[in-house]
Amino acid sequence: MDLLTIFKALSNDTRLSILEWLREPEKHFQNKQAHLPKEVYNQGGVCVGDIQEKANLSQSTVSNYLSMLQKAGLLHSVRHGQWTYYRRNEELIQELSNYISKDL
């Protein structure tokens, strides 16, 4: 776990919001994409376009934010055709939570 990279990724309001939204995607992303494959739906993945729309930011900015979160290990992604879907890495988030509560 690279704490410095994780904390840098968390040091932005929008990136924090993205993690919050992906915690309960069914609550924050009502407009499910018609092209959402079953395997992605079952894993809770959300399309970049849906995240971009909710964040109300440019595609390049949202992609950069998602890349930072993924590099920190906080997100998993899966590519399906031309779309990439993101979901939280719950294992790492739990590990980080344990670290903060016990060691920090």
PDB file of N, CA and C in Angstrom:
ATOM      1  N   MET A   1       0.863  -1.175   0.000  1.00  0.00           N
ATOM      2  CA  MET A   1       0.000   0.000   0.000  1.00  0.00           C
ATOM      3  C   MET A   1       0.904   1.231   0.000  1.00  0.00           C
ATOM      4  N   ASP A   2       0.790   2.031  -1.042  1.00  0.00           N
ATOM      5  CA  ASP A   2       1.585   3.255  -1.182  1.00  0.00           C
ATOM      6  C   ASP A   2       0.775   4.418  -0.609  1.00  0.00           C
ATOM      7  N   LEU A   3       1.004   4.702   0.667  1.00  0.00           N
ATOM      8  CA  LEU A   3       0.195   5.699   1.373  1.00  0.00           C
ATOM      9  C   LEU A   3       0.306   7.085   0.770  1.00  0.00           C
ATOM     10  N   LEU A   4       1.479   7.488   0.357  1.00  0.00           N
ATOM     11  CA  LEU A   4       1.655   8.819  -0.212  1.00  0.00           C
ATOM     12  C   LEU A   4       0.821   8.979  -1.487  1.00  0.00           C
ATOM     13  N   THR A   5       0.856   7.986  -2.358  1.00  0.00           N
ATOM     14  CA  THR A   5       0.063   8.037  -3.595  1.00  0.00           C
ATOM     15  C   THR A   5      -1.427   8.036  -3.274  1.00  0.00           C
ATOM     16  N   ILE A   6      -1.825   7.240  -2.295  1.00  0.00           N
ATOM     17  CA  ILE A   6      -3.244   7.184  -1.907  1.00  0.00           C
ATOM     18  C   ILE A   6      -3.697   8.531  -1.371  1.00  0.00           C
ATOM     19  N   PHE A   7      -2.937   9.107  -0.445  1.00  0.00           N
ATOM     20  CA  PHE A   7      -3.355  10.377   0.149  1.00  0.00           C
ATOM     21  C   PHE A   7      -3.331  11.516  -0.867  1.00  0.00           C
ATOM     22  N   LYS A   8      -2.407  11.479  -1.820  1.00  0.00           N
ATOM     23  CA  LYS A   8      -2.418  12.478  -2.894  1.00  0.00           C
ATOM     24  C   LYS A   8      -3.696  12.342  -3.727  1.00  0.00           C
ATOM     25  N   ALA A   9      -4.076  11.100  -4.028  1.00  0.00           N
ATOM     26  CA  ALA A   9      -5.295  10.873  -4.818  1.00  0.00           C
ATOM     27  C   ALA A   9      -6.533  11.338  -4.066  1.00  0.00           C
ATOM     28  N   LEU A  10      -6.501  11.260  -2.751  1.00  0.00           N
ATOM     29  CA  LEU A  10      -7.652  11.650  -1.940  1.00  0.00           C
ATOM     30  C   LEU A  10      -7.682  13.142  -1.623  1.00  0.00           C
ATOM     31  N   SER A  11      -6.681  13.884  -2.072  1.00  0.00           N
ATOM     32  CA  SER A  11      -6.572  15.296  -1.715  1.00  0.00           C
ATOM     33  C   SER A  11      -7.318  16.233  -2.667  1.00  0.00           C
ATOM     34  N   ASN A  12      -8.405  15.759  -3.232  1.00  0.00           N
ATOM     35  CA  ASN A  12      -9.190  16.550  -4.177  1.00  0.00           C
ATOM     36  C   ASN A  12     -10.667  16.248  -3.936  1.00  0.00           C
ATOM     37  N   ASP A  13     -11.484  17.300  -3.838  1.00  0.00           N
ATOM     38  CA  ASP A  13     -12.915  17.122  -3.551  1.00  0.00           C
ATOM     39  C   ASP A  13     -13.616  16.225  -4.561  1.00  0.00           C
ATOM     40  N   THR A  14     -13.331  16.424  -5.837  1.00  0.00           N
ATOM     41  CA  THR A  14     -14.020  15.638  -6.864  1.00  0.00           C
ATOM     42  C   THR A  14     -13.595  14.177  -6.812  1.00  0.00           C
ATOM     43  N   ARG A  15     -12.320  13.914  -6.614  1.00  0.00           N
ATOM     44  CA  ARG A  15     -11.874  12.525  -6.513  1.00  0.00           C
ATOM     45  C   ARG A  15     -12.502  11.840  -5.303  1.00  0.00           C
ATOM     46  N   LEU A  16     -12.611  12.557  -4.194  1.00  0.00           N
ATOM     47  CA  LEU A  16     -13.308  12.002  -3.028  1.00  0.00           C
ATOM     48  C   LEU A  16     -14.773  11.726  -3.353  1.00  0.00           C
ATOM     49  N   SER A  17     -15.399  12.651  -4.054  1.00  0.00           N
ATOM     50  CA  SER A  17     -16.804  12.465  -4.441  1.00  0.00           C
ATOM     51  C   SER A  17     -16.973  11.243  -5.329  1.00  0.00           C
ATOM     52  N   ILE A  18     -16.049  11.048  -6.265  1.00  0.00           N
ATOM     53  CA  ILE A  18     -16.126   9.882  -7.150  1.00  0.00           C
ATOM     54  C   ILE A  18     -16.115   8.600  -6.327  1.00  0.00           C
ATOM     55  N   LEU A  19     -15.225   8.520  -5.341  1.00  0.00           N
ATOM     56  CA  LEU A  19     -15.186   7.333  -4.478  1.00  0.00           C
ATOM     57  C   LEU A  19     -16.495   7.175  -3.703  1.00  0.00           C
ATOM     58  N   GLU A  20     -17.053   8.294  -3.232  1.00  0.00           N
ATOM     59  CA  GLU A  20     -18.335   8.243  -2.526  1.00  0.00           C
ATOM     60  C   GLU A  20     -19.448   7.772  -3.456  1.00  0.00           C
ATOM     61  N   TRP A  21     -19.486   8.302  -4.662  1.00  0.00           N
ATOM     62  CA  TRP A  21     -20.527   7.907  -5.625  1.00  0.00           C
ATOM     63  C   TRP A  21     -20.425   6.426  -5.953  1.00  0.00           C
ATOM     64  N   LEU A  22     -19.194   5.938  -6.116  1.00  0.00           N
ATOM     65  CA  LEU A  22     -19.009   4.539  -6.493  1.00  0.00           C
ATOM     66  C   LEU A  22     -19.276   3.578  -5.333  1.00  0.00           C
ATOM     67  N   ARG A  23     -19.381   4.116  -4.143  1.00  0.00           N
ATOM     68  CA  ARG A  23     -19.741   3.260  -3.003  1.00  0.00           C
ATOM     69  C   ARG A  23     -21.167   2.758  -3.151  1.00  0.00           C
ATOM     70  N   GLU A  24     -22.053   3.620  -3.654  1.00  0.00           N
ATOM     71  CA  GLU A  24     -23.452   3.267  -3.894  1.00  0.00           C
ATOM     72  C   GLU A  24     -23.849   3.718  -5.297  1.00  0.00           C
ATOM     73  N   PRO A  25     -23.341   3.033  -6.319  1.00  0.00           N
ATOM     74  CA  PRO A  25     -23.594   3.486  -7.694  1.00  0.00           C
ATOM     75  C   PRO A  25     -25.072   3.529  -8.063  1.00  0.00           C
ATOM     76  N   GLU A  26     -25.865   2.606  -7.523  1.00  0.00           N
ATOM     77  CA  GLU A  26     -27.296   2.589  -7.848  1.00  0.00           C
ATOM     78  C   GLU A  26     -28.002   3.844  -7.338  1.00  0.00           C
ATOM     79  N   LYS A  27     -27.473   4.462  -6.317  1.00  0.00           N
ATOM     80  CA  LYS A  27     -28.051   5.684  -5.749  1.00  0.00           C
ATOM     81  C   LYS A  27     -27.623   6.925  -6.535  1.00  0.00           C
ATOM     82  N   HIS A  28     -26.404   6.923  -7.038  1.00  0.00           N
ATOM     83  CA  HIS A  28     -25.833   8.121  -7.657  1.00  0.00           C
ATOM     84  C   HIS A  28     -25.860   8.125  -9.181  1.00  0.00           C
ATOM     85  N   PHE A  29     -26.101   6.972  -9.787  1.00  0.00           N
ATOM     86  CA  PHE A  29     -26.087   6.882 -11.249  1.00  0.00           C
ATOM     87  C   PHE A  29     -27.363   6.181 -11.708  1.00  0.00           C
ATOM     88  N   GLN A  30     -28.452   6.912 -11.759  1.00  0.00           N
ATOM     89  CA  GLN A  30     -29.722   6.320 -12.153  1.00  0.00           C
ATOM     90  C   GLN A  30     -29.796   5.997 -13.639  1.00  0.00           C
ATOM     91  N   ASN A  31     -29.096   6.728 -14.466  1.00  0.00           N
ATOM     92  CA  ASN A  31     -29.157   6.542 -15.910  1.00  0.00           C
ATOM     93  C   ASN A  31     -28.218   5.436 -16.349  1.00  0.00           C
ATOM     94  N   LYS A  32     -28.639   4.199 -16.145  1.00  0.00           N
ATOM     95  CA  LYS A  32     -27.808   3.060 -16.550  1.00  0.00           C
ATOM     96  C   LYS A  32     -27.655   3.053 -18.064  1.00  0.00           C
ATOM     97  N   GLN A  33     -26.435   2.793 -18.500  1.00  0.00           N
ATOM     98  CA  GLN A  33     -26.159   2.723 -19.927  1.00  0.00           C
ATOM     99  C   GLN A  33     -26.765   1.445 -20.514  1.00  0.00           C
ATOM    100  N   ALA A  34     -27.336   1.554 -21.679  1.00  0.00           N
ATOM    101  CA  ALA A  34     -27.931   0.396 -22.339  1.00  0.00           C
ATOM    102  C   ALA A  34     -26.875  -0.654 -22.686  1.00  0.00           C
ATOM    103  N   HIS A  35     -25.636  -0.207 -22.869  1.00  0.00           N
ATOM    104  CA  HIS A  35     -24.568  -1.118 -23.273  1.00  0.00           C
ATOM    105  C   HIS A  35     -23.840  -1.738 -22.077  1.00  0.00           C
ATOM    106  N   LEU A  36     -24.353  -1.574 -20.882  1.00  0.00           N
ATOM    107  CA  LEU A  36     -23.695  -2.107 -19.690  1.00  0.00           C
ATOM    108  C   LEU A  36     -23.745  -3.629 -19.706  1.00  0.00           C
ATOM    109  N   PRO A  37     -22.591  -4.283 -19.833  1.00  0.00           N
ATOM    110  CA  PRO A  37     -22.583  -5.744 -19.870  1.00  0.00           C
ATOM    111  C   PRO A  37     -22.906  -6.333 -18.500  1.00  0.00           C
ATOM    112  N   LYS A  38     -23.482  -7.518 -18.512  1.00  0.00           N
ATOM    113  CA  LYS A  38     -23.918  -8.165 -17.270  1.00  0.00           C
ATOM    114  C   LYS A  38     -22.772  -8.341 -16.280  1.00  0.00           C
ATOM    115  N   GLU A  39     -21.594  -8.757 -16.762  1.00  0.00           N
ATOM    116  CA  GLU A  39     -20.476  -8.975 -15.841  1.00  0.00           C
ATOM    117  C   GLU A  39     -20.030  -7.682 -15.160  1.00  0.00           C
ATOM    118  N   VAL A  40     -20.131  -6.551 -15.856  1.00  0.00           N
ATOM    119  CA  VAL A  40     -19.784  -5.261 -15.259  1.00  0.00           C
ATOM    120  C   VAL A  40     -20.888  -4.842 -14.299  1.00  0.00           C
ATOM    121  N   TYR A  41     -22.130  -5.028 -14.709  1.00  0.00           N
ATOM    122  CA  TYR A  41     -23.264  -4.676 -13.853  1.00  0.00           C
ATOM    123  C   TYR A  41     -23.189  -5.451 -12.544  1.00  0.00           C
ATOM    124  N   ASN A  42     -22.883  -6.728 -12.608  1.00  0.00           N
ATOM    125  CA  ASN A  42     -22.805  -7.562 -11.413  1.00  0.00           C
ATOM    126  C   ASN A  42     -21.673  -7.142 -10.476  1.00  0.00           C
ATOM    127  N   GLN A  43     -20.620  -6.552 -11.026  1.00  0.00           N
ATOM    128  CA  GLN A  43     -19.492  -6.098 -10.215  1.00  0.00           C
ATOM    129  C   GLN A  43     -19.654  -4.652  -9.755  1.00  0.00           C
ATOM    130  N   GLY A  44     -20.669  -3.966 -10.233  1.00  0.00           N
ATOM    131  CA  GLY A  44     -20.907  -2.594  -9.807  1.00  0.00           C
ATOM    132  C   GLY A  44     -20.138  -1.544 -10.569  1.00  0.00           C
ATOM    133  N   GLY A  45     -19.704  -1.831 -11.777  1.00  0.00           N
ATOM    134  CA  GLY A  45     -18.947  -0.872 -12.562  1.00  0.00           C
ATOM    135  C   GLY A  45     -19.795   0.265 -13.095  1.00  0.00           C
ATOM    136  N   VAL A  46     -19.186   1.444 -13.182  1.00  0.00           N
ATOM    137  CA  VAL A  46     -19.855   2.630 -13.718  1.00  0.00           C
ATOM    138  C   VAL A  46     -19.014   3.170 -14.865  1.00  0.00           C
ATOM    139  N   CYS A  47     -19.668   3.483 -15.953  1.00  0.00           N
ATOM    140  CA  CYS A  47     -19.019   3.988 -17.161  1.00  0.00           C
ATOM    141  C   CYS A  47     -18.424   5.387 -16.929  1.00  0.00           C
ATOM    142  N   VAL A  48     -17.281   5.637 -17.541  1.00  0.00           N
ATOM    143  CA  VAL A  48     -16.618   6.939 -17.439  1.00  0.00           C
ATOM    144  C   VAL A  48     -17.575   8.068 -17.808  1.00  0.00           C
ATOM    145  N   GLY A  49     -18.370   7.871 -18.847  1.00  0.00           N
ATOM    146  CA  GLY A  49     -19.299   8.911 -19.288  1.00  0.00           C
ATOM    147  C   GLY A  49     -20.304   9.294 -18.216  1.00  0.00           C
ATOM    148  N   ASP A  50     -20.772   8.309 -17.459  1.00  0.00           N
ATOM    149  CA  ASP A  50     -21.708   8.594 -16.368  1.00  0.00           C
ATOM    150  C   ASP A  50     -21.032   9.373 -15.250  1.00  0.00           C
ATOM    151  N   ILE A  51     -19.790   9.012 -14.956  1.00  0.00           N
ATOM    152  CA  ILE A  51     -19.032   9.723 -13.922  1.00  0.00           C
ATOM    153  C   ILE A  51     -18.765  11.152 -14.379  1.00  0.00           C
ATOM    154  N   GLN A  52     -18.399  11.304 -15.640  1.00  0.00           N
ATOM    155  CA  GLN A  52     -18.129  12.635 -16.199  1.00  0.00           C
ATOM    156  C   GLN A  52     -19.371  13.514 -16.116  1.00  0.00           C
ATOM    157  N   GLU A  53     -20.514  12.956 -16.483  1.00  0.00           N
ATOM    158  CA  GLU A  53     -21.764  13.713 -16.452  1.00  0.00           C
ATOM    159  C   GLU A  53     -22.090  14.172 -15.030  1.00  0.00           C
ATOM    160  N   LYS A  54     -21.938  13.295 -14.065  1.00  0.00           N
ATOM    161  CA  LYS A  54     -22.242  13.636 -12.668  1.00  0.00           C
ATOM    162  C   LYS A  54     -21.253  14.670 -12.137  1.00  0.00           C
ATOM    163  N   ALA A  55     -19.978  14.543 -12.484  1.00  0.00           N
ATOM    164  CA  ALA A  55     -18.948  15.479 -12.018  1.00  0.00           C
ATOM    165  C   ALA A  55     -19.048  16.831 -12.715  1.00  0.00           C
ATOM    166  N   ASN A  56     -19.679  16.862 -13.886  1.00  0.00           N
ATOM    167  CA  ASN A  56     -19.819  18.077 -14.681  1.00  0.00           C
ATOM    168  C   ASN A  56     -18.446  18.692 -14.996  1.00  0.00           C
ATOM    169  N   LEU A  57     -17.532  17.815 -15.398  1.00  0.00           N
ATOM    170  CA  LEU A  57     -16.188  18.230 -15.785  1.00  0.00           C
ATOM    171  C   LEU A  57     -15.865  17.652 -17.155  1.00  0.00           C
ATOM    172  N   SER A  58     -14.790  18.114 -17.752  1.00  0.00           N
ATOM    173  CA  SER A  58     -14.395  17.610 -19.068  1.00  0.00           C
ATOM    174  C   SER A  58     -14.002  16.141 -18.977  1.00  0.00           C
ATOM    175  N   GLN A  59     -14.091  15.463 -20.109  1.00  0.00           N
ATOM    176  CA  GLN A  59     -13.727  14.052 -20.175  1.00  0.00           C
ATOM    177  C   GLN A  59     -12.272  13.856 -19.788  1.00  0.00           C
ATOM    178  N   SER A  60     -11.393  14.751 -20.237  1.00  0.00           N
ATOM    179  CA  SER A  60      -9.968  14.590 -19.936  1.00  0.00           C
ATOM    180  C   SER A  60      -9.691  14.757 -18.442  1.00  0.00           C
ATOM    181  N   THR A  61     -10.378  15.679 -17.790  1.00  0.00           N
ATOM    182  CA  THR A  61     -10.186  15.873 -16.350  1.00  0.00           C
ATOM    183  C   THR A  61     -10.668  14.658 -15.575  1.00  0.00           C
ATOM    184  N   VAL A  62     -11.845  14.148 -15.915  1.00  0.00           N
ATOM    185  CA  VAL A  62     -12.383  12.973 -15.224  1.00  0.00           C
ATOM    186  C   VAL A  62     -11.487  11.767 -15.477  1.00  0.00           C
ATOM    187  N   SER A  63     -11.025  11.588 -16.692  1.00  0.00           N
ATOM    188  CA  SER A  63     -10.125  10.474 -16.994  1.00  0.00           C
ATOM    189  C   SER A  63      -8.833  10.577 -16.180  1.00  0.00           C
ATOM    190  N   ASN A  64      -8.310  11.792 -16.048  1.00  0.00           N
ATOM    191  CA  ASN A  64      -7.113  12.000 -15.236  1.00  0.00           C
ATOM    192  C   ASN A  64      -7.383  11.644 -13.781  1.00  0.00           C
ATOM    193  N   TYR A  65      -8.516  12.065 -13.252  1.00  0.00           N
ATOM    194  CA  TYR A  65      -8.881  11.762 -11.862  1.00  0.00           C
ATOM    195  C   TYR A  65      -9.029  10.254 -11.652  1.00  0.00           C
ATOM    196  N   LEU A  66      -9.700   9.595 -12.579  1.00  0.00           N
ATOM    197  CA  LEU A  66      -9.888   8.150 -12.468  1.00  0.00           C
ATOM    198  C   LEU A  66      -8.549   7.424 -12.554  1.00  0.00           C
ATOM    199  N   SER A  67      -7.676   7.900 -13.407  1.00  0.00           N
ATOM    200  CA  SER A  67      -6.344   7.314 -13.535  1.00  0.00           C
ATOM    201  C   SER A  67      -5.561   7.440 -12.230  1.00  0.00           C
ATOM    202  N   MET A  68      -5.645   8.604 -11.585  1.00  0.00           N
ATOM    203  CA  MET A  68      -4.961   8.805 -10.305  1.00  0.00           C
ATOM    204  C   MET A  68      -5.495   7.853  -9.241  1.00  0.00           C
ATOM    205  N   LEU A  69      -6.822   7.724  -9.182  1.00  0.00           N
ATOM    206  CA  LEU A  69      -7.439   6.842  -8.199  1.00  0.00           C
ATOM    207  C   LEU A  69      -7.070   5.386  -8.467  1.00  0.00           C
ATOM    208  N   GLN A  70      -7.001   5.035  -9.743  1.00  0.00           N
ATOM    209  CA  GLN A  70      -6.632   3.663 -10.094  1.00  0.00           C
ATOM    210  C   GLN A  70      -5.154   3.404  -9.790  1.00  0.00           C
ATOM    211  N   LYS A  71      -4.298   4.358 -10.104  1.00  0.00           N
ATOM    212  CA  LYS A  71      -2.866   4.209  -9.819  1.00  0.00           C
ATOM    213  C   LYS A  71      -2.634   4.046  -8.317  1.00  0.00           C
ATOM    214  N   ALA A  72      -3.449   4.713  -7.503  1.00  0.00           N
ATOM    215  CA  ALA A  72      -3.342   4.595  -6.045  1.00  0.00           C
ATOM    216  C   ALA A  72      -3.899   3.264  -5.551  1.00  0.00           C
ATOM    217  N   GLY A  73      -4.579   2.542  -6.439  1.00  0.00           N
ATOM    218  CA  GLY A  73      -5.145   1.249  -6.071  1.00  0.00           C
ATOM    219  C   GLY A  73      -6.553   1.320  -5.525  1.00  0.00           C
ATOM    220  N   LEU A  74      -7.146   2.511  -5.532  1.00  0.00           N
ATOM    221  CA  LEU A  74      -8.475   2.708  -4.953  1.00  0.00           C
ATOM    222  C   LEU A  74      -9.606   2.277  -5.880  1.00  0.00           C
ATOM    223  N   LEU A  75      -9.309   2.143  -7.175  1.00  0.00           N
ATOM    224  CA  LEU A  75     -10.307   1.739  -8.159  1.00  0.00           C
ATOM    225  C   LEU A  75      -9.815   0.563  -8.981  1.00  0.00           C
ATOM    226  N   HIS A  76     -10.765  -0.249  -9.421  1.00  0.00           N
ATOM    227  CA  HIS A  76     -10.537  -1.286 -10.429  1.00  0.00           C
ATOM    228  C   HIS A  76     -11.239  -0.820 -11.697  1.00  0.00           C
ATOM    229  N   SER A  77     -10.719  -1.206 -12.838  1.00  0.00           N
ATOM    230  CA  SER A  77     -11.403  -0.887 -14.084  1.00  0.00           C
ATOM    231  C   SER A  77     -11.492  -2.133 -14.947  1.00  0.00           C
ATOM    232  N   VAL A  78     -12.510  -2.135 -15.802  1.00  0.00           N
ATOM    233  CA  VAL A  78     -12.656  -3.192 -16.788  1.00  0.00           C
ATOM    234  C   VAL A  78     -13.086  -2.525 -18.086  1.00  0.00           C
ATOM    235  N   ARG A  79     -12.458  -2.937 -19.160  1.00  0.00           N
ATOM    236  CA  ARG A  79     -12.792  -2.378 -20.478  1.00  0.00           C
ATOM    237  C   ARG A  79     -13.717  -3.350 -21.185  1.00  0.00           C
ATOM    238  N   HIS A  80     -14.783  -2.810 -21.742  1.00  0.00           N
ATOM    239  CA  HIS A  80     -15.733  -3.608 -22.506  1.00  0.00           C
ATOM    240  C   HIS A  80     -16.029  -2.841 -23.787  1.00  0.00           C
ATOM    241  N   GLY A  81     -15.469  -3.313 -24.894  1.00  0.00           N
ATOM    242  CA  GLY A  81     -15.620  -2.592 -26.153  1.00  0.00           C
ATOM    243  C   GLY A  81     -14.943  -1.232 -26.037  1.00  0.00           C
ATOM    244  N   GLN A  82     -15.672  -0.191 -26.372  1.00  0.00           N
ATOM    245  CA  GLN A  82     -15.100   1.157 -26.313  1.00  0.00           C
ATOM    246  C   GLN A  82     -15.295   1.827 -24.956  1.00  0.00           C
ATOM    247  N   TRP A  83     -15.943   1.143 -24.028  1.00  0.00           N
ATOM    248  CA  TRP A  83     -16.245   1.727 -22.729  1.00  0.00           C
ATOM    249  C   TRP A  83     -15.385   1.128 -21.626  1.00  0.00           C
ATOM    250  N   THR A  84     -15.012   1.971 -20.681  1.00  0.00           N
ATOM    251  CA  THR A  84     -14.298   1.525 -19.482  1.00  0.00           C
ATOM    252  C   THR A  84     -15.197   1.788 -18.288  1.00  0.00           C
ATOM    253  N   TYR A  85     -15.270   0.791 -17.409  1.00  0.00           N
ATOM    254  CA  TYR A  85     -16.118   0.864 -16.223  1.00  0.00           C
ATOM    255  C   TYR A  85     -15.241   0.802 -14.983  1.00  0.00           C
ATOM    256  N   TYR A  86     -15.605   1.589 -13.997  1.00  0.00           N
ATOM    257  CA  TYR A  86     -14.827   1.662 -12.766  1.00  0.00           C
ATOM    258  C   TYR A  86     -15.669   1.244 -11.572  1.00  0.00           C
ATOM    259  N   ARG A  87     -14.992   0.616 -10.604  1.00  0.00           N
ATOM    260  CA  ARG A  87     -15.606   0.289  -9.322  1.00  0.00           C
ATOM    261  C   ARG A  87     -14.527   0.411  -8.257  1.00  0.00           C
ATOM    262  N   ARG A  88     -14.964   0.562  -7.024  1.00  0.00           N
ATOM    263  CA  ARG A  88     -14.038   0.724  -5.914  1.00  0.00           C
ATOM    264  C   ARG A  88     -13.295  -0.573  -5.606  1.00  0.00           C
ATOM    265  N   ASN A  89     -12.076  -0.434  -5.133  1.00  0.00           N
ATOM    266  CA  ASN A  89     -11.299  -1.562  -4.632  1.00  0.00           C
ATOM    267  C   ASN A  89     -11.571  -1.624  -3.127  1.00  0.00           C
ATOM    268  N   GLU A  90     -12.622  -2.330  -2.775  1.00  0.00           N
ATOM    269  CA  GLU A  90     -13.065  -2.367  -1.376  1.00  0.00           C
ATOM    270  C   GLU A  90     -12.009  -2.965  -0.449  1.00  0.00           C
ATOM    271  N   GLU A  91     -11.219  -3.901  -0.936  1.00  0.00           N
ATOM    272  CA  GLU A  91     -10.186  -4.510  -0.102  1.00  0.00           C
ATOM    273  C   GLU A  91      -9.145  -3.473   0.321  1.00  0.00           C
ATOM    274  N   LEU A  92      -8.677  -2.669  -0.628  1.00  0.00           N
ATOM    275  CA  LEU A  92      -7.677  -1.655  -0.292  1.00  0.00           C
ATOM    276  C   LEU A  92      -8.284  -0.569   0.588  1.00  0.00           C
ATOM    277  N   ILE A  93      -9.510  -0.185   0.314  1.00  0.00           N
ATOM    278  CA  ILE A  93     -10.164   0.845   1.128  1.00  0.00           C
ATOM    279  C   ILE A  93     -10.305   0.355   2.570  1.00  0.00           C
ATOM    280  N   GLN A  94     -10.622  -0.921   2.755  1.00  0.00           N
ATOM    281  CA  GLN A  94     -10.712  -1.485   4.104  1.00  0.00           C
ATOM    282  C   GLN A  94      -9.339  -1.524   4.768  1.00  0.00           C
ATOM    283  N   GLU A  95      -8.319  -1.895   4.002  1.00  0.00           N
ATOM    284  CA  GLU A  95      -6.951  -1.908   4.521  1.00  0.00           C
ATOM    285  C   GLU A  95      -6.525  -0.508   4.958  1.00  0.00           C
ATOM    286  N   LEU A  96      -6.857   0.500   4.151  1.00  0.00           N
ATOM    287  CA  LEU A  96      -6.544   1.890   4.487  1.00  0.00           C
ATOM    288  C   LEU A  96      -7.295   2.324   5.744  1.00  0.00           C
ATOM    289  N   SER A  97      -8.551   1.948   5.832  1.00  0.00           N
ATOM    290  CA  SER A  97      -9.351   2.272   7.015  1.00  0.00           C
ATOM    291  C   SER A  97      -8.741   1.661   8.273  1.00  0.00           C
ATOM    292  N   ASN A  98      -8.330   0.413   8.177  1.00  0.00           N
ATOM    293  CA  ASN A  98      -7.691  -0.258   9.312  1.00  0.00           C
ATOM    294  C   ASN A  98      -6.390   0.438   9.700  1.00  0.00           C
ATOM    295  N   TYR A  99      -5.601   0.823   8.705  1.00  0.00           N
ATOM    296  CA  TYR A  99      -4.346   1.532   8.969  1.00  0.00           C
ATOM    297  C   TYR A  99      -4.612   2.840   9.713  1.00  0.00           C
ATOM    298  N   ILE A 100      -5.578   3.603   9.226  1.00  0.00           N
ATOM    299  CA  ILE A 100      -5.878   4.902   9.841  1.00  0.00           C
ATOM    300  C   ILE A 100      -6.363   4.708  11.288  1.00  0.00           C
ATOM    301  N   SER A 101      -7.237   3.739  11.496  1.00  0.00           N
ATOM    302  CA  SER A 101      -7.789   3.575  12.840  1.00  0.00           C
ATOM    303  C   SER A 101      -6.799   2.967  13.837  1.00  0.00           C
ATOM    304  N   LYS A 102      -5.830   2.187  13.363  1.00  0.00           N
ATOM    305  CA  LYS A 102      -4.924   1.496  14.280  1.00  0.00           C
ATOM    306  C   LYS A 102      -3.519   2.104  14.339  1.00  0.00           C
ATOM    307  N   ASP A 103      -3.026   2.602  13.215  1.00  0.00           N
ATOM    308  CA  ASP A 103      -1.620   2.986  13.162  1.00  0.00           C
ATOM    309  C   ASP A 103      -1.364   4.469  12.982  1.00  0.00           C
ATOM    310  N   LEU A 104      -2.323   5.208  12.546  1.00  0.00           N
ATOM    311  CA  LEU A 104      -2.059   6.630  12.235  1.00  0.00           C
ATOM    312  C   LEU A 104      -2.366   7.522  13.410  1.00  0.00           C
TER     313      LEU A 104
END
